[in-house]
PDB file of N, CA and C in Angstrom:
ATOM      1  N   MET A   1      -9.453  -9.626  17.353  1.00  0.00           N
ATOM      2  CA  MET A   1      -8.696  -9.774  18.568  1.00  0.00           C
ATOM      3  C   MET A   1      -7.437  -8.920  18.543  1.00  0.00           C
ATOM      4  N   LEU A   2      -6.849  -8.774  17.388  1.00  0.00           N
ATOM      5  CA  LEU A   2      -5.592  -8.034  17.297  1.00  0.00           C
ATOM      6  C   LEU A   2      -5.747  -6.608  17.826  1.00  0.00           C
ATOM      7  N   LYS A   3      -6.832  -5.944  17.476  1.00  0.00           N
ATOM      8  CA  LYS A   3      -7.050  -4.567  17.941  1.00  0.00           C
ATOM      9  C   LYS A   3      -7.186  -4.516  19.458  1.00  0.00           C
ATOM     10  N   ASN A   4      -7.879  -5.480  20.038  1.00  0.00           N
ATOM     11  CA  ASN A   4      -8.031  -5.506  21.499  1.00  0.00           C
ATOM     12  C   ASN A   4      -6.676  -5.630  22.187  1.00  0.00           C
ATOM     13  N   ILE A   5      -5.794  -6.412  21.604  1.00  0.00           N
ATOM     14  CA  ILE A   5      -4.483  -6.640  22.212  1.00  0.00           C
ATOM     15  C   ILE A   5      -3.559  -5.447  21.997  1.00  0.00           C
ATOM     16  N   THR A   6      -3.663  -4.793  20.851  1.00  0.00           N
ATOM     17  CA  THR A   6      -2.744  -3.690  20.553  1.00  0.00           C
ATOM     18  C   THR A   6      -3.151  -2.366  21.196  1.00  0.00           C
ATOM     19  N   ASP A   7      -4.430  -2.144  21.423  1.00  0.00           N
ATOM     20  CA  ASP A   7      -4.883  -0.852  21.959  1.00  0.00           C
ATOM     21  C   ASP A   7      -4.181  -0.468  23.260  1.00  0.00           C
ATOM     22  N   ALA A   8      -4.108  -1.369  24.207  1.00  0.00           N
ATOM     23  CA  ALA A   8      -3.472  -1.056  25.493  1.00  0.00           C
ATOM     24  C   ALA A   8      -1.984  -0.777  25.311  1.00  0.00           C
ATOM     25  N   GLN A   9      -1.343  -1.540  24.448  1.00  0.00           N
ATOM     26  CA  GLN A   9       0.090  -1.321  24.223  1.00  0.00           C
ATOM     27  C   GLN A   9       0.354   0.063  23.632  1.00  0.00           C
ATOM     28  N   ILE A  10      -0.525   0.484  22.736  1.00  0.00           N
ATOM     29  CA  ILE A  10      -0.354   1.783  22.079  1.00  0.00           C
ATOM     30  C   ILE A  10      -0.682   2.925  23.038  1.00  0.00           C
ATOM     31  N   HIS A  11      -1.821   2.844  23.721  1.00  0.00           N
ATOM     32  CA  HIS A  11      -2.296   3.959  24.543  1.00  0.00           C
ATOM     33  C   HIS A  11      -1.678   4.004  25.938  1.00  0.00           C
ATOM     34  N   VAL A  12      -1.371   2.855  26.523  1.00  0.00           N
ATOM     35  CA  VAL A  12      -0.821   2.841  27.880  1.00  0.00           C
ATOM     36  C   VAL A  12       0.702   2.790  27.862  1.00  0.00           C
ATOM     37  N   LEU A  13       1.255   1.911  27.026  1.00  0.00           N
ATOM     38  CA  LEU A  13       2.706   1.742  26.998  1.00  0.00           C
ATOM     39  C   LEU A  13       3.404   2.662  26.002  1.00  0.00           C
ATOM     40  N   GLY A  14       2.632   3.318  25.136  1.00  0.00           N
ATOM     41  CA  GLY A  14       3.206   4.252  24.185  1.00  0.00           C
ATOM     42  C   GLY A  14       3.964   3.611  23.034  1.00  0.00           C
ATOM     43  N   ARG A  15       3.658   2.370  22.735  1.00  0.00           N
ATOM     44  CA  ARG A  15       4.332   1.678  21.637  1.00  0.00           C
ATOM     45  C   ARG A  15       3.757   2.114  20.297  1.00  0.00           C
ATOM     46  N   SER A  16       4.560   1.960  19.256  1.00  0.00           N
ATOM     47  CA  SER A  16       4.067   2.248  17.910  1.00  0.00           C
ATOM     48  C   SER A  16       3.096   1.147  17.503  1.00  0.00           C
ATOM     49  N   LYS A  17       2.276   1.437  16.505  1.00  0.00           N
ATOM     50  CA  LYS A  17       1.299   0.446  16.037  1.00  0.00           C
ATOM     51  C   LYS A  17       2.006  -0.804  15.528  1.00  0.00           C
ATOM     52  N   ASP A  18       3.084  -0.628  14.774  1.00  0.00           N
ATOM     53  CA  ASP A  18       3.818  -1.782  14.237  1.00  0.00           C
ATOM     54  C   ASP A  18       4.408  -2.644  15.348  1.00  0.00           C
ATOM     55  N   GLU A  19       5.000  -1.991  16.346  1.00  0.00           N
ATOM     56  CA  GLU A  19       5.591  -2.721  17.469  1.00  0.00           C
ATOM     57  C   GLU A  19       4.512  -3.465  18.259  1.00  0.00           C
ATOM     58  N   ALA A  20       3.381  -2.816  18.483  1.00  0.00           N
ATOM     59  CA  ALA A  20       2.283  -3.434  19.224  1.00  0.00           C
ATOM     60  C   ALA A  20       1.715  -4.631  18.466  1.00  0.00           C
ATOM     61  N   GLU A  21       1.567  -4.501  17.144  1.00  0.00           N
ATOM     62  CA  GLU A  21       1.050  -5.616  16.347  1.00  0.00           C
ATOM     63  C   GLU A  21       2.028  -6.786  16.334  1.00  0.00           C
ATOM     64  N   HIS A  22       3.310  -6.486  16.279  1.00  0.00           N
ATOM     65  CA  HIS A  22       4.323  -7.551  16.304  1.00  0.00           C
ATOM     66  C   HIS A  22       4.252  -8.322  17.628  1.00  0.00           C
ATOM     67  N   THR A  23       4.187  -7.588  18.729  1.00  0.00           N
ATOM     68  CA  THR A  23       4.089  -8.218  20.049  1.00  0.00           C
ATOM     69  C   THR A  23       2.797  -9.023  20.175  1.00  0.00           C
ATOM     70  N   ALA A  24       1.696  -8.465  19.689  1.00  0.00           N
ATOM     71  CA  ALA A  24       0.405  -9.148  19.762  1.00  0.00           C
ATOM     72  C   ALA A  24       0.435 -10.457  18.977  1.00  0.00           C
ATOM     73  N   MET A  25       1.031 -10.439  17.794  1.00  0.00           N
ATOM     74  CA  MET A  25       1.109 -11.660  16.994  1.00  0.00           C
ATOM     75  C   MET A  25       1.991 -12.706  17.674  1.00  0.00           C
ATOM     76  N   GLN A  26       3.046 -12.277  18.334  1.00  0.00           N
ATOM     77  CA  GLN A  26       3.880 -13.216  19.093  1.00  0.00           C
ATOM     78  C   GLN A  26       3.063 -13.872  20.202  1.00  0.00           C
ATOM     79  N   LEU A  27       2.267 -13.080  20.901  1.00  0.00           N
ATOM     80  CA  LEU A  27       1.441 -13.619  21.983  1.00  0.00           C
ATOM     81  C   LEU A  27       0.379 -14.571  21.448  1.00  0.00           C
ATOM     82  N   LEU A  28      -0.276 -14.195  20.352  1.00  0.00           N
ATOM     83  CA  LEU A  28      -1.296 -15.064  19.762  1.00  0.00           C
ATOM     84  C   LEU A  28      -0.685 -16.370  19.263  1.00  0.00           C
ATOM     85  N   THR A  29       0.506 -16.302  18.709  1.00  0.00           N
ATOM     86  CA  THR A  29       1.198 -17.510  18.253  1.00  0.00           C
ATOM     87  C   THR A  29       1.521 -18.410  19.440  1.00  0.00           C
ATOM     88  N   ARG A  30       1.943 -17.802  20.527  1.00  0.00           N
ATOM     89  CA  ARG A  30       2.302 -18.564  21.732  1.00  0.00           C
ATOM     90  C   ARG A  30       1.126 -19.382  22.258  1.00  0.00           C
ATOM     91  N   VAL A  31      -0.082 -18.842  22.136  1.00  0.00           N
ATOM     92  CA  VAL A  31      -1.266 -19.553  22.635  1.00  0.00           C
ATOM     93  C   VAL A  31      -2.049 -20.252  21.520  1.00  0.00           C
ATOM     94  N   GLY A  32      -1.487 -20.284  20.312  1.00  0.00           N
ATOM     95  CA  GLY A  32      -2.098 -21.025  19.210  1.00  0.00           C
ATOM     96  C   GLY A  32      -3.292 -20.351  18.564  1.00  0.00           C
ATOM     97  N   LEU A  33      -3.371 -19.032  18.642  1.00  0.00           N
ATOM     98  CA  LEU A  33      -4.519 -18.319  18.080  1.00  0.00           C
ATOM     99  C   LEU A  33      -4.137 -17.320  16.988  1.00  0.00           C
ATOM    100  N   SER A  34      -2.958 -17.450  16.414  1.00  0.00           N
ATOM    101  CA  SER A  34      -2.528 -16.478  15.404  1.00  0.00           C
ATOM    102  C   SER A  34      -3.443 -16.471  14.185  1.00  0.00           C
ATOM    103  N   ALA A  35      -4.043 -17.603  13.863  1.00  0.00           N
ATOM    104  CA  ALA A  35      -4.953 -17.672  12.713  1.00  0.00           C
ATOM    105  C   ALA A  35      -6.265 -16.936  12.985  1.00  0.00           C
ATOM    106  N   LYS A  36      -6.538 -16.628  14.229  1.00  0.00           N
ATOM    107  CA  LYS A  36      -7.787 -15.955  14.614  1.00  0.00           C
ATOM    108  C   LYS A  36      -7.578 -14.466  14.897  1.00  0.00           C
ATOM    109  N   ALA A  37      -6.436 -13.918  14.537  1.00  0.00           N
ATOM    110  CA  ALA A  37      -6.109 -12.526  14.861  1.00  0.00           C
ATOM    111  C   ALA A  37      -7.133 -11.538  14.324  1.00  0.00           C
ATOM    112  N   ALA A  38      -7.715 -11.815  13.168  1.00  0.00           N
ATOM    113  CA  ALA A  38      -8.670 -10.885  12.553  1.00  0.00           C
ATOM    114  C   ALA A  38     -10.100 -11.081  13.055  1.00  0.00           C
ATOM    115  N   ASN A  39     -10.328 -12.097  13.866  1.00  0.00           N
ATOM    116  CA  ASN A  39     -11.673 -12.385  14.358  1.00  0.00           C
ATOM    117  C   ASN A  39     -12.037 -11.495  15.542  1.00  0.00           C
ATOM    118  N   TYR A  40     -13.338 -11.284  15.710  1.00  0.00           N
ATOM    119  CA  TYR A  40     -13.839 -10.615  16.906  1.00  0.00           C
ATOM    120  C   TYR A  40     -13.893 -11.650  18.030  1.00  0.00           C
ATOM    121  N   PRO A  41     -13.730 -11.225  19.290  1.00  0.00           N
ATOM    122  CA  PRO A  41     -13.785 -12.174  20.400  1.00  0.00           C
ATOM    123  C   PRO A  41     -15.067 -13.013  20.421  1.00  0.00           C
ATOM    124  N   CYS A  42     -16.194 -12.438  20.016  1.00  0.00           N
ATOM    125  CA  CYS A  42     -17.458 -13.180  20.032  1.00  0.00           C
ATOM    126  C   CYS A  42     -17.480 -14.297  18.989  1.00  0.00           C
ATOM    127  N   GLU A  43     -16.542 -14.283  18.055  1.00  0.00           N
ATOM    128  CA  GLU A  43     -16.472 -15.314  17.027  1.00  0.00           C
ATOM    129  C   GLU A  43     -15.625 -16.508  17.449  1.00  0.00           C
ATOM    130  N   LEU A  44     -15.072 -16.461  18.644  1.00  0.00           N
ATOM    131  CA  LEU A  44     -14.248 -17.548  19.162  1.00  0.00           C
ATOM    132  C   LEU A  44     -15.089 -18.477  20.024  1.00  0.00           C
ATOM    133  N   SER A  45     -14.632 -19.702  20.139  1.00  0.00           N
ATOM    134  CA  SER A  45     -15.321 -20.634  21.027  1.00  0.00           C
ATOM    135  C   SER A  45     -15.050 -20.227  22.473  1.00  0.00           C
ATOM    136  N   GLY A  46     -15.812 -20.759  23.387  1.00  0.00           N
ATOM    137  CA  GLY A  46     -15.635 -20.434  24.798  1.00  0.00           C
ATOM    138  C   GLY A  46     -14.236 -20.727  25.301  1.00  0.00           C
ATOM    139  N   GLY A  47     -13.661 -21.834  24.869  1.00  0.00           N
ATOM    140  CA  GLY A  47     -12.311 -22.191  25.286  1.00  0.00           C
ATOM    141  C   GLY A  47     -11.255 -21.261  24.714  1.00  0.00           C
ATOM    142  N   GLN A  48     -11.491 -20.769  23.511  1.00  0.00           N
ATOM    143  CA  GLN A  48     -10.538 -19.854  22.891  1.00  0.00           C
ATOM    144  C   GLN A  48     -10.601 -18.463  23.523  1.00  0.00           C
ATOM    145  N   GLN A  49     -11.766 -18.104  24.038  1.00  0.00           N
ATOM    146  CA  GLN A  49     -11.897 -16.789  24.657  1.00  0.00           C
ATOM    147  C   GLN A  49     -11.090 -16.735  25.922  1.00  0.00           C
TER     148      GLN A  49
END
């Protein structure tokens, strides 16, 4: 999931990889999914997706 969240920040907003990953982890923490950052979206339950 982390790559999906960071790609747009890097390519569209021009953020550095470190900055994009930091922002992505903040967002995942906010929604309670920080432990799933390394998972692929298909590995999440329907509610988590």
